């Protein structure tokens, strides 16, 4: 702090994870789910959960005392920077740190309810290699949770136990990979190899000793820092797509061809020079003609997907000038795995089409919810050959670190299990999720909501027959269902707050007083795994998904 100024330069918010992990066991149902990783039947030929990967089983072998208690918690850590302001506002980089509980089954492990936020690193600048300073309280608590643990009550087993926890790995994009691991991702040694620090920039790229090495088990982990498939797939797709479509972001430029002329023996791709010595380049056989690019644009403009499967990719296309813009990470994910082979088919030679399709299928199989071990080992051998095929097709400028990181993805899946537990989609969505809109409820809406809750509450059920007798005596000609809708809420409030002399309904007074007149509205909702939009929100969208048709007896 500056002299005479009591305002701190930075304020970091830390929320301990131990009490929140304890609360998971207070729910009988959740406590039962927390042992799913050891209770579910395992097929050694398939993987649907990180507990079936080699990294998990290796840790159990090294620390059998930890593995013996199935309620012990396995965690993953993710951090990424984002700007809470609009892109046009003043620059500010805030870094939240997320913790994921991997004990849970696949249908719960990645839900936002079980993704904890223990730490918020303030801006306005990127913490860089000082990230470890902010992680100190979290790492200190993680050491305590592994060595000592916390006494916790298990509602499912109805007993106390000493809950311990272990951090299995981190999840981040490639720049944050360097900040978390201490291994610089710049230069020739950018890869995730674990090389002894003999000489920086020659045999290694260590710039610091990561704070995670203070954890007593860190050196025994097979995976310490995951390569984020989401960003790798996005960057590979953009390089390939823009180069194939010959957009301004193409990697196939004159300078790239001049480098190729000096470094490679590929005369067909060498620059062409006119009589005045001015150089220009011919299109490679991996690049679509302008008329073919416009055909792809027209196809994408009319393309429709099932609701919720992908965004409206047609909004990212300009048919008139054949340009593309605004592809988000998930758009690249869908395009790479489903659309790119269709978009270039018939427009490029078979050799180019087959090499690109092999890479697309690699990502598609790797992102499956169920991974087959035989497929993974075949992919591990085949991806190197696929990259070699691409190197024979595209110029050297096409290949940066992302294309070469693809080779490591199959290995990481064998060690860590399905890639959904090691990519950043669920965390990126939390950074930008919307909380709905607030509005005032009308009196009629409040009354309907209050009555519905009361009539479906088990603790209120004993009062319903009493109301029915009193209401039918006063209103003999009206159906009992109508009387309940009209008068039950008012009658119940009077009964609980004024007429209850024995005190047995004292705890129901907050329920009897009714809801607040503030409510949060949403544009959609999920019912039994199906997504529906409100009618107002669905208007004007490329795919409509609202309205229900219920069959009934006549």
Foldseek 3Di string as FASTA:
>chain_A
DDPPDPDDPFDKAFADCQVVLQVLLVDQVSLVQLLCLPPPDDDLQKFQALSSFQLNVLVCVVPVVQVVPSNAWEKEKEKDWDAPDPPPDDQATKIWMKIWTRSGGPVPRLDPVRIDTGIIGGIRDDCALVVLVRCVVVLVVLLCLAPFACWHARPNVRDIDRHHYHYQAYFYELSVLCSQQQFDLDDDQNDPDDFPPPDDPPGGRGPDHHPNVVRPCQVSGPYHYDHAPLVLLLLLLVQLVCQQAVHPPHLLALVLLCVCVVPHDDVQFHWDADPVRDTDTDRFLSHFDQVLLLVLLVVLLLDDDPPPQDASLNVQADNVRSDGDDQDSVNSLCCLQPNVLVSCPPRGDPLSSVLSNVVSVLSVQLQDSMHGPVVLVVSLVCLVVSLVSVPVGDGPSSDDPSSVNSNCSSVCCNRRNRCVVRHCPSVVCVVVPDDADKDFADPLVQLQVLLVCLCPDPVNVVCLVVVLVVVCVVPVPDDSVVVSSPPVLVVVQCCQPPVDPVCPNVVCNVSSVTDDRMDGDDQWDDDPNDIAGDPVVQPPGPDHGHDDDDDDDD
